[in-house]
Amino acid sequence: MRTPGLSDRAVALAIAGSIGLLLSIGLAMSLFLRYISASALIALTIYAVGVMALIVLTAGRARFWAIWPVRLLLPLPASLFIWWILSLFGL
């Protein structure tokens, strides 16, 4: 008597699907990193995290548009500095 569960075909399809998913992610990242350097990607990520942190930290401070230039420009020097440092190391 066989126990209920996934059939052999379903297991093979799940394995093939996961391999296909990993290959498509890997190929997409390799194409993306061919045109975008790793240092630029890291700097962009740090900038986005900095902007989100400033949005959270200054959420109740001012409800008008004048706070947005501060939110957008304050993380810029740190991310550009990190991009420059990583470019020196060849990333």
PDB file of N, CA and C in Angstrom:
ATOM      1  N   MET A   1       0.834  -1.173   0.000  1.00  0.00           N
ATOM      2  CA  MET A   1       0.000   0.000   0.000  1.00  0.00           C
ATOM      3  C   MET A   1       0.883   1.242   0.000  1.00  0.00           C
ATOM      4  N   ARG A   2       0.559   2.154  -0.882  1.00  0.00           N
ATOM      5  CA  ARG A   2       1.339   3.368  -1.033  1.00  0.00           C
ATOM      6  C   ARG A   2       0.805   4.469  -0.145  1.00  0.00           C
ATOM      7  N   THR A   3       1.711   5.241   0.462  1.00  0.00           N
ATOM      8  CA  THR A   3       1.272   6.358   1.287  1.00  0.00           C
ATOM      9  C   THR A   3       0.945   7.551   0.398  1.00  0.00           C
ATOM     10  N   PRO A   4      -0.054   8.316   0.762  1.00  0.00           N
ATOM     11  CA  PRO A   4      -0.409   9.479  -0.061  1.00  0.00           C
ATOM     12  C   PRO A   4       0.678  10.548   0.035  1.00  0.00           C
ATOM     13  N   GLY A   5       0.913  11.219  -1.042  1.00  0.00           N
ATOM     14  CA  GLY A   5       1.921  12.282  -1.102  1.00  0.00           C
ATOM     15  C   GLY A   5       2.101  12.731  -2.531  1.00  0.00           C
ATOM     16  N   LEU A   6       3.211  13.359  -2.775  1.00  0.00           N
ATOM     17  CA  LEU A   6       3.491  13.816  -4.125  1.00  0.00           C
ATOM     18  C   LEU A   6       3.847  12.631  -5.016  1.00  0.00           C
ATOM     19  N   SER A   7       3.386  12.684  -6.215  1.00  0.00           N
ATOM     20  CA  SER A   7       3.759  11.633  -7.154  1.00  0.00           C
ATOM     21  C   SER A   7       5.179  11.871  -7.645  1.00  0.00           C
ATOM     22  N   ASP A   8       5.731  10.877  -8.303  1.00  0.00           N
ATOM     23  CA  ASP A   8       7.088  11.002  -8.815  1.00  0.00           C
ATOM     24  C   ASP A   8       7.191  12.095  -9.871  1.00  0.00           C
ATOM     25  N   ARG A   9       6.159  12.255 -10.646  1.00  0.00           N
ATOM     26  CA  ARG A   9       6.141  13.286 -11.678  1.00  0.00           C
ATOM     27  C   ARG A   9       6.103  14.679 -11.042  1.00  0.00           C
ATOM     28  N   ALA A  10       5.361  14.830  -9.961  1.00  0.00           N
ATOM     29  CA  ALA A  10       5.284  16.133  -9.296  1.00  0.00           C
ATOM     30  C   ALA A  10       6.626  16.506  -8.672  1.00  0.00           C
ATOM     31  N   VAL A  11       7.331  15.544  -8.127  1.00  0.00           N
ATOM     32  CA  VAL A  11       8.644  15.822  -7.552  1.00  0.00           C
ATOM     33  C   VAL A  11       9.618  16.247  -8.639  1.00  0.00           C
ATOM     34  N   ALA A  12       9.603  15.563  -9.762  1.00  0.00           N
ATOM     35  CA  ALA A  12      10.489  15.923 -10.871  1.00  0.00           C
ATOM     36  C   ALA A  12      10.154  17.308 -11.411  1.00  0.00           C
ATOM     37  N   LEU A  13       8.871  17.634 -11.501  1.00  0.00           N
ATOM     38  CA  LEU A  13       8.474  18.961 -11.975  1.00  0.00           C
ATOM     39  C   LEU A  13       8.872  20.049 -10.985  1.00  0.00           C
ATOM     40  N   ALA A  14       8.766  19.766  -9.699  1.00  0.00           N
ATOM     41  CA  ALA A  14       9.171  20.742  -8.692  1.00  0.00           C
ATOM     42  C   ALA A  14      10.676  20.984  -8.743  1.00  0.00           C
ATOM     43  N   ILE A  15      11.454  19.947  -8.923  1.00  0.00           N
ATOM     44  CA  ILE A  15      12.910  20.101  -9.032  1.00  0.00           C
ATOM     45  C   ILE A  15      13.270  20.873 -10.291  1.00  0.00           C
ATOM     46  N   ALA A  16      12.647  20.528 -11.411  1.00  0.00           N
ATOM     47  CA  ALA A  16      12.926  21.232 -12.665  1.00  0.00           C
ATOM     48  C   ALA A  16      12.512  22.700 -12.572  1.00  0.00           C
ATOM     49  N   GLY A  17      11.399  22.958 -11.921  1.00  0.00           N
ATOM     50  CA  GLY A  17      10.950  24.337 -11.754  1.00  0.00           C
ATOM     51  C   GLY A  17      11.883  25.149 -10.886  1.00  0.00           C
ATOM     52  N   SER A  18      12.390  24.565  -9.804  1.00  0.00           N
ATOM     53  CA  SER A  18      13.306  25.301  -8.931  1.00  0.00           C
ATOM     54  C   SER A  18      14.644  25.544  -9.621  1.00  0.00           C
ATOM     55  N   ILE A  19      15.111  24.584 -10.410  1.00  0.00           N
ATOM     56  CA  ILE A  19      16.353  24.795 -11.177  1.00  0.00           C
ATOM     57  C   ILE A  19      16.137  25.894 -12.217  1.00  0.00           C
ATOM     58  N   GLY A  20      15.006  25.885 -12.876  1.00  0.00           N
ATOM     59  CA  GLY A  20      14.699  26.932 -13.844  1.00  0.00           C
ATOM     60  C   GLY A  20      14.604  28.304 -13.201  1.00  0.00           C
ATOM     61  N   LEU A  21      14.024  28.369 -12.017  1.00  0.00           N
ATOM     62  CA  LEU A  21      13.920  29.637 -11.296  1.00  0.00           C
ATOM     63  C   LEU A  21      15.301  30.155 -10.918  1.00  0.00           C
ATOM     64  N   LEU A  22      16.162  29.287 -10.405  1.00  0.00           N
ATOM     65  CA  LEU A  22      17.512  29.702 -10.043  1.00  0.00           C
ATOM     66  C   LEU A  22      18.308  30.158 -11.265  1.00  0.00           C
ATOM     67  N   LEU A  23      18.168  29.448 -12.380  1.00  0.00           N
ATOM     68  CA  LEU A  23      18.876  29.843 -13.597  1.00  0.00           C
ATOM     69  C   LEU A  23      18.381  31.183 -14.136  1.00  0.00           C
ATOM     70  N   SER A  24      17.081  31.401 -14.095  1.00  0.00           N
ATOM     71  CA  SER A  24      16.561  32.665 -14.615  1.00  0.00           C
ATOM     72  C   SER A  24      16.974  33.834 -13.727  1.00  0.00           C
ATOM     73  N   ILE A  25      17.006  33.641 -12.409  1.00  0.00           N
ATOM     74  CA  ILE A  25      17.476  34.702 -11.519  1.00  0.00           C
ATOM     75  C   ILE A  25      18.962  34.954 -11.748  1.00  0.00           C
ATOM     76  N   GLY A  26      19.731  33.878 -11.881  1.00  0.00           N
ATOM     77  CA  GLY A  26      21.160  34.035 -12.108  1.00  0.00           C
ATOM     78  C   GLY A  26      21.478  34.709 -13.427  1.00  0.00           C
ATOM     79  N   LEU A  27      20.777  34.342 -14.478  1.00  0.00           N
ATOM     80  CA  LEU A  27      21.013  34.978 -15.778  1.00  0.00           C
ATOM     81  C   LEU A  27      20.585  36.439 -15.781  1.00  0.00           C
ATOM     82  N   ALA A  28      19.474  36.726 -15.123  1.00  0.00           N
ATOM     83  CA  ALA A  28      19.029  38.118 -15.047  1.00  0.00           C
ATOM     84  C   ALA A  28      20.024  38.968 -14.259  1.00  0.00           C
ATOM     85  N   MET A  29      20.532  38.435 -13.149  1.00  0.00           N
ATOM     86  CA  MET A  29      21.513  39.188 -12.369  1.00  0.00           C
ATOM     87  C   MET A  29      22.828  39.346 -13.130  1.00  0.00           C
ATOM     88  N   SER A  30      23.229  38.340 -13.887  1.00  0.00           N
ATOM     89  CA  SER A  30      24.476  38.473 -14.641  1.00  0.00           C
ATOM     90  C   SER A  30      24.342  39.522 -15.740  1.00  0.00           C
ATOM     91  N   LEU A  31      23.188  39.578 -16.399  1.00  0.00           N
ATOM     92  CA  LEU A  31      22.969  40.629 -17.397  1.00  0.00           C
ATOM     93  C   LEU A  31      22.881  42.004 -16.744  1.00  0.00           C
ATOM     94  N   PHE A  32      22.219  42.077 -15.590  1.00  0.00           N
ATOM     95  CA  PHE A  32      22.074  43.348 -14.884  1.00  0.00           C
ATOM     96  C   PHE A  32      23.431  43.860 -14.416  1.00  0.00           C
ATOM     97  N   LEU A  33      24.248  42.962 -13.838  1.00  0.00           N
ATOM     98  CA  LEU A  33      25.545  43.382 -13.322  1.00  0.00           C
ATOM     99  C   LEU A  33      26.567  43.613 -14.431  1.00  0.00           C
ATOM    100  N   ARG A  34      26.251  43.200 -15.646  1.00  0.00           N
ATOM    101  CA  ARG A  34      27.144  43.503 -16.767  1.00  0.00           C
ATOM    102  C   ARG A  34      27.096  44.992 -17.104  1.00  0.00           C
ATOM    103  N   TYR A  35      25.934  45.613 -16.941  1.00  0.00           N
ATOM    104  CA  TYR A  35      25.768  47.016 -17.277  1.00  0.00           C
ATOM    105  C   TYR A  35      25.784  47.936 -16.064  1.00  0.00           C
ATOM    106  N   ILE A  36      25.485  47.403 -14.888  1.00  0.00           N
ATOM    107  CA  ILE A  36      25.500  48.179 -13.651  1.00  0.00           C
ATOM    108  C   ILE A  36      26.587  47.584 -12.765  1.00  0.00           C
ATOM    109  N   SER A  37      27.511  48.417 -12.302  1.00  0.00           N
ATOM    110  CA  SER A  37      28.596  47.897 -11.478  1.00  0.00           C
ATOM    111  C   SER A  37      28.086  47.570 -10.071  1.00  0.00           C
ATOM    112  N   ALA A  38      28.812  46.723  -9.395  1.00  0.00           N
ATOM    113  CA  ALA A  38      28.413  46.331  -8.049  1.00  0.00           C
ATOM    114  C   ALA A  38      28.491  47.522  -7.095  1.00  0.00           C
ATOM    115  N   SER A  39      29.474  48.394  -7.289  1.00  0.00           N
ATOM    116  CA  SER A  39      29.586  49.561  -6.407  1.00  0.00           C
ATOM    117  C   SER A  39      28.394  50.507  -6.594  1.00  0.00           C
ATOM    118  N   ALA A  40      27.937  50.672  -7.827  1.00  0.00           N
ATOM    119  CA  ALA A  40      26.767  51.523  -8.068  1.00  0.00           C
ATOM    120  C   ALA A  40      25.508  50.902  -7.475  1.00  0.00           C
ATOM    121  N   LEU A  41      25.387  49.585  -7.568  1.00  0.00           N
ATOM    122  CA  LEU A  41      24.226  48.911  -6.998  1.00  0.00           C
ATOM    123  C   LEU A  41      24.211  49.025  -5.481  1.00  0.00           C
ATOM    124  N   ILE A  42      25.358  48.864  -4.842  1.00  0.00           N
ATOM    125  CA  ILE A  42      25.442  48.988  -3.389  1.00  0.00           C
ATOM    126  C   ILE A  42      25.161  50.423  -2.958  1.00  0.00           C
ATOM    127  N   ALA A  43      25.720  51.396  -3.683  1.00  0.00           N
ATOM    128  CA  ALA A  43      25.486  52.799  -3.357  1.00  0.00           C
ATOM    129  C   ALA A  43      24.019  53.177  -3.539  1.00  0.00           C
ATOM    130  N   LEU A  44      23.393  52.678  -4.581  1.00  0.00           N
ATOM    131  CA  LEU A  44      21.968  52.950  -4.796  1.00  0.00           C
ATOM    132  C   LEU A  44      21.118  52.333  -3.691  1.00  0.00           C
ATOM    133  N   THR A  45      21.484  51.144  -3.252  1.00  0.00           N
ATOM    134  CA  THR A  45      20.760  50.499  -2.160  1.00  0.00           C
ATOM    135  C   THR A  45      20.910  51.283  -0.865  1.00  0.00           C
ATOM    136  N   ILE A  46      22.117  51.744  -0.569  1.00  0.00           N
ATOM    137  CA  ILE A  46      22.343  52.537   0.647  1.00  0.00           C
ATOM    138  C   ILE A  46      21.587  53.858   0.565  1.00  0.00           C
ATOM    139  N   TYR A  47      21.542  54.471  -0.604  1.00  0.00           N
ATOM    140  CA  TYR A  47      20.775  55.705  -0.767  1.00  0.00           C
ATOM    141  C   TYR A  47      19.284  55.468  -0.529  1.00  0.00           C
ATOM    142  N   ALA A  48      18.754  54.387  -1.089  1.00  0.00           N
ATOM    143  CA  ALA A  48      17.323  54.089  -0.912  1.00  0.00           C
ATOM    144  C   ALA A  48      17.007  53.805   0.554  1.00  0.00           C
ATOM    145  N   VAL A  49      17.876  53.080   1.246  1.00  0.00           N
ATOM    146  CA  VAL A  49      17.662  52.805   2.668  1.00  0.00           C
ATOM    147  C   VAL A  49      17.738  54.102   3.468  1.00  0.00           C
ATOM    148  N   GLY A  50      18.664  54.991   3.099  1.00  0.00           N
ATOM    149  CA  GLY A  50      18.768  56.280   3.778  1.00  0.00           C
ATOM    150  C   GLY A  50      17.540  57.144   3.583  1.00  0.00           C
ATOM    151  N   VAL A  51      17.003  57.167   2.365  1.00  0.00           N
ATOM    152  CA  VAL A  51      15.784  57.940   2.117  1.00  0.00           C
ATOM    153  C   VAL A  51      14.609  57.369   2.904  1.00  0.00           C
ATOM    154  N   MET A  52      14.481  56.034   2.910  1.00  0.00           N
ATOM    155  CA  MET A  52      13.390  55.425   3.681  1.00  0.00           C
ATOM    156  C   MET A  52      13.546  55.692   5.169  1.00  0.00           C
ATOM    157  N   ALA A  53      14.779  55.658   5.673  1.00  0.00           N
ATOM    158  CA  ALA A  53      15.004  55.943   7.091  1.00  0.00           C
ATOM    159  C   ALA A  53      14.647  57.390   7.421  1.00  0.00           C
ATOM    160  N   LEU A  54      14.991  58.312   6.545  1.00  0.00           N
ATOM    161  CA  LEU A  54      14.637  59.708   6.800  1.00  0.00           C
ATOM    162  C   LEU A  54      13.136  59.941   6.705  1.00  0.00           C
ATOM    163  N   ILE A  55      12.468  59.218   5.836  1.00  0.00           N
ATOM    164  CA  ILE A  55      11.007  59.341   5.765  1.00  0.00           C
ATOM    165  C   ILE A  55      10.389  58.873   7.069  1.00  0.00           C
ATOM    166  N   VAL A  56      10.897  57.777   7.614  1.00  0.00           N
ATOM    167  CA  VAL A  56      10.362  57.258   8.871  1.00  0.00           C
ATOM    168  C   VAL A  56      10.714  58.188  10.027  1.00  0.00           C
ATOM    169  N   LEU A  57      11.955  58.679  10.059  1.00  0.00           N
ATOM    170  CA  LEU A  57      12.389  59.519  11.173  1.00  0.00           C
ATOM    171  C   LEU A  57      11.731  60.895  11.176  1.00  0.00           C
ATOM    172  N   THR A  58      11.415  61.418  10.008  1.00  0.00           N
ATOM    173  CA  THR A  58      10.809  62.752   9.926  1.00  0.00           C
ATOM    174  C   THR A  58       9.337  62.683   9.558  1.00  0.00           C
ATOM    175  N   ALA A  59       8.671  61.614   9.916  1.00  0.00           N
ATOM    176  CA  ALA A  59       7.281  61.417   9.489  1.00  0.00           C
ATOM    177  C   ALA A  59       6.338  62.451  10.079  1.00  0.00           C
ATOM    178  N   GLY A  60       6.454  62.787  11.337  1.00  0.00           N
ATOM    179  CA  GLY A  60       5.517  63.721  11.940  1.00  0.00           C
ATOM    180  C   GLY A  60       6.053  65.122  12.065  1.00  0.00           C
ATOM    181  N   ARG A  61       7.228  65.389  11.535  1.00  0.00           N
ATOM    182  CA  ARG A  61       7.870  66.687  11.740  1.00  0.00           C
ATOM    183  C   ARG A  61       7.201  67.801  10.940  1.00  0.00           C
ATOM    184  N   ALA A  62       7.064  67.603   9.683  1.00  0.00           N
ATOM    185  CA  ALA A  62       6.485  68.641   8.836  1.00  0.00           C
ATOM    186  C   ALA A  62       5.649  67.970   7.762  1.00  0.00           C
ATOM    187  N   ARG A  63       4.499  68.507   7.531  1.00  0.00           N
ATOM    188  CA  ARG A  63       3.601  67.894   6.564  1.00  0.00           C
ATOM    189  C   ARG A  63       3.528  68.701   5.271  1.00  0.00           C
ATOM    190  N   PHE A  64       4.549  69.445   4.967  1.00  0.00           N
ATOM    191  CA  PHE A  64       4.551  70.199   3.729  1.00  0.00           C
ATOM    192  C   PHE A  64       5.742  69.783   2.873  1.00  0.00           C
ATOM    193  N   TRP A  65       5.837  70.297   1.674  1.00  0.00           N
ATOM    194  CA  TRP A  65       6.788  69.827   0.681  1.00  0.00           C
ATOM    195  C   TRP A  65       8.230  70.213   0.974  1.00  0.00           C
ATOM    196  N   ALA A  66       8.487  71.160   1.850  1.00  0.00           N
ATOM    197  CA  ALA A  66       9.850  71.659   2.067  1.00  0.00           C
ATOM    198  C   ALA A  66      10.764  70.625   2.721  1.00  0.00           C
ATOM    199  N   ILE A  67      10.239  69.600   3.349  1.00  0.00           N
ATOM    200  CA  ILE A  67      11.073  68.579   3.984  1.00  0.00           C
ATOM    201  C   ILE A  67      11.624  67.590   2.967  1.00  0.00           C
ATOM    202  N   TRP A  68      10.995  67.483   1.797  1.00  0.00           N
ATOM    203  CA  TRP A  68      11.411  66.494   0.809  1.00  0.00           C
ATOM    204  C   TRP A  68      12.807  66.717   0.243  1.00  0.00           C
ATOM    205  N   PRO A  69      13.245  67.948  -0.019  1.00  0.00           N
ATOM    206  CA  PRO A  69      14.646  68.098  -0.457  1.00  0.00           C
ATOM    207  C   PRO A  69      15.646  67.605   0.588  1.00  0.00           C
ATOM    208  N   VAL A  70      15.346  67.801   1.855  1.00  0.00           N
ATOM    209  CA  VAL A  70      16.225  67.299   2.915  1.00  0.00           C
ATOM    210  C   VAL A  70      16.218  65.778   2.912  1.00  0.00           C
ATOM    211  N   ARG A  71      15.060  65.185   2.774  1.00  0.00           N
ATOM    212  CA  ARG A  71      14.952  63.723   2.757  1.00  0.00           C
ATOM    213  C   ARG A  71      15.689  63.118   1.566  1.00  0.00           C
ATOM    214  N   LEU A  72      15.662  63.793   0.436  1.00  0.00           N
ATOM    215  CA  LEU A  72      16.285  63.253  -0.767  1.00  0.00           C
ATOM    216  C   LEU A  72      17.778  63.564  -0.886  1.00  0.00           C
ATOM    217  N   LEU A  73      18.223  64.678  -0.320  1.00  0.00           N
ATOM    218  CA  LEU A  73      19.615  65.078  -0.482  1.00  0.00           C
ATOM    219  C   LEU A  73      20.527  64.667   0.669  1.00  0.00           C
ATOM    220  N   LEU A  74      19.995  64.441   1.839  1.00  0.00           N
ATOM    221  CA  LEU A  74      20.843  64.112   2.993  1.00  0.00           C
ATOM    222  C   LEU A  74      21.573  62.779   2.852  1.00  0.00           C
ATOM    223  N   PRO A  75      20.976  61.709   2.324  1.00  0.00           N
ATOM    224  CA  PRO A  75      21.736  60.457   2.173  1.00  0.00           C
ATOM    225  C   PRO A  75      22.679  60.436   0.972  1.00  0.00           C
ATOM    226  N   LEU A  76      22.612  61.439   0.110  1.00  0.00           N
ATOM    227  CA  LEU A  76      23.404  61.440  -1.114  1.00  0.00           C
ATOM    228  C   LEU A  76      24.917  61.468  -0.882  1.00  0.00           C
ATOM    229  N   PRO A  77      25.468  62.316   0.005  1.00  0.00           N
ATOM    230  CA  PRO A  77      26.931  62.302   0.189  1.00  0.00           C
ATOM    231  C   PRO A  77      27.471  60.969   0.696  1.00  0.00           C
ATOM    232  N   ALA A  78      26.760  60.332   1.600  1.00  0.00           N
ATOM    233  CA  ALA A  78      27.231  59.046   2.130  1.00  0.00           C
ATOM    234  C   ALA A  78      27.221  57.970   1.047  1.00  0.00           C
ATOM    235  N   SER A  79      26.174  57.933   0.247  1.00  0.00           N
ATOM    236  CA  SER A  79      26.122  56.906  -0.800  1.00  0.00           C
ATOM    237  C   SER A  79      27.157  57.171  -1.894  1.00  0.00           C
ATOM    238  N   LEU A  80      27.395  58.429  -2.241  1.00  0.00           N
ATOM    239  CA  LEU A  80      28.426  58.743  -3.226  1.00  0.00           C
ATOM    240  C   LEU A  80      29.821  58.419  -2.694  1.00  0.00           C
ATOM    241  N   PHE A  81      30.046  58.652  -1.400  1.00  0.00           N
ATOM    242  CA  PHE A  81      31.327  58.313  -0.794  1.00  0.00           C
ATOM    243  C   PHE A  81      31.554  56.806  -0.808  1.00  0.00           C
ATOM    244  N   ILE A  82      30.540  56.047  -0.480  1.00  0.00           N
ATOM    245  CA  ILE A  82      30.657  54.589  -0.500  1.00  0.00           C
ATOM    246  C   ILE A  82      30.874  54.090  -1.923  1.00  0.00           C
ATOM    247  N   TRP A  83      30.202  54.688  -2.904  1.00  0.00           N
ATOM    248  CA  TRP A  83      30.408  54.325  -4.305  1.00  0.00           C
ATOM    249  C   TRP A  83      31.853  54.591  -4.729  1.00  0.00           C
ATOM    250  N   TRP A  84      32.393  55.736  -4.299  1.00  0.00           N
ATOM    251  CA  TRP A  84      33.771  56.085  -4.633  1.00  0.00           C
ATOM    252  C   TRP A  84      34.763  55.111  -3.993  1.00  0.00           C
ATOM    253  N   ILE A  85      34.556  54.782  -2.711  1.00  0.00           N
ATOM    254  CA  ILE A  85      35.442  53.856  -2.003  1.00  0.00           C
ATOM    255  C   ILE A  85      35.397  52.470  -2.674  1.00  0.00           C
ATOM    256  N   LEU A  86      34.200  51.989  -2.985  1.00  0.00           N
ATOM    257  CA  LEU A  86      34.090  50.673  -3.619  1.00  0.00           C
ATOM    258  C   LEU A  86      34.677  50.684  -5.031  1.00  0.00           C
ATOM    259  N   SER A  87      34.586  51.810  -5.727  1.00  0.00           N
ATOM    260  CA  SER A  87      35.192  51.890  -7.055  1.00  0.00           C
ATOM    261  C   SER A  87      36.715  51.855  -6.962  1.00  0.00           C
ATOM    262  N   LEU A  88      37.259  52.386  -5.869  1.00  0.00           N
ATOM    263  CA  LEU A  88      38.704  52.297  -5.676  1.00  0.00           C
ATOM    264  C   LEU A  88      39.177  50.852  -5.528  1.00  0.00           C
ATOM    265  N   PHE A  89      38.329  50.028  -4.917  1.00  0.00           N
ATOM    266  CA  PHE A  89      38.660  48.615  -4.734  1.00  0.00           C
ATOM    267  C   PHE A  89      38.335  47.782  -5.970  1.00  0.00           C
ATOM    268  N   GLY A  90      37.773  48.380  -6.992  1.00  0.00           N
ATOM    269  CA  GLY A  90      37.516  47.687  -8.237  1.00  0.00           C
ATOM    270  C   GLY A  90      36.184  46.979  -8.308  1.00  0.00           C
ATOM    271  N   LEU A  91      35.261  47.302  -7.454  1.00  0.00           N
ATOM    272  CA  LEU A  91      33.936  46.680  -7.512  1.00  0.00           C
ATOM    273  C   LEU A  91      33.028  47.417  -8.469  1.00  0.00           C
TER     274      LEU A  91
END
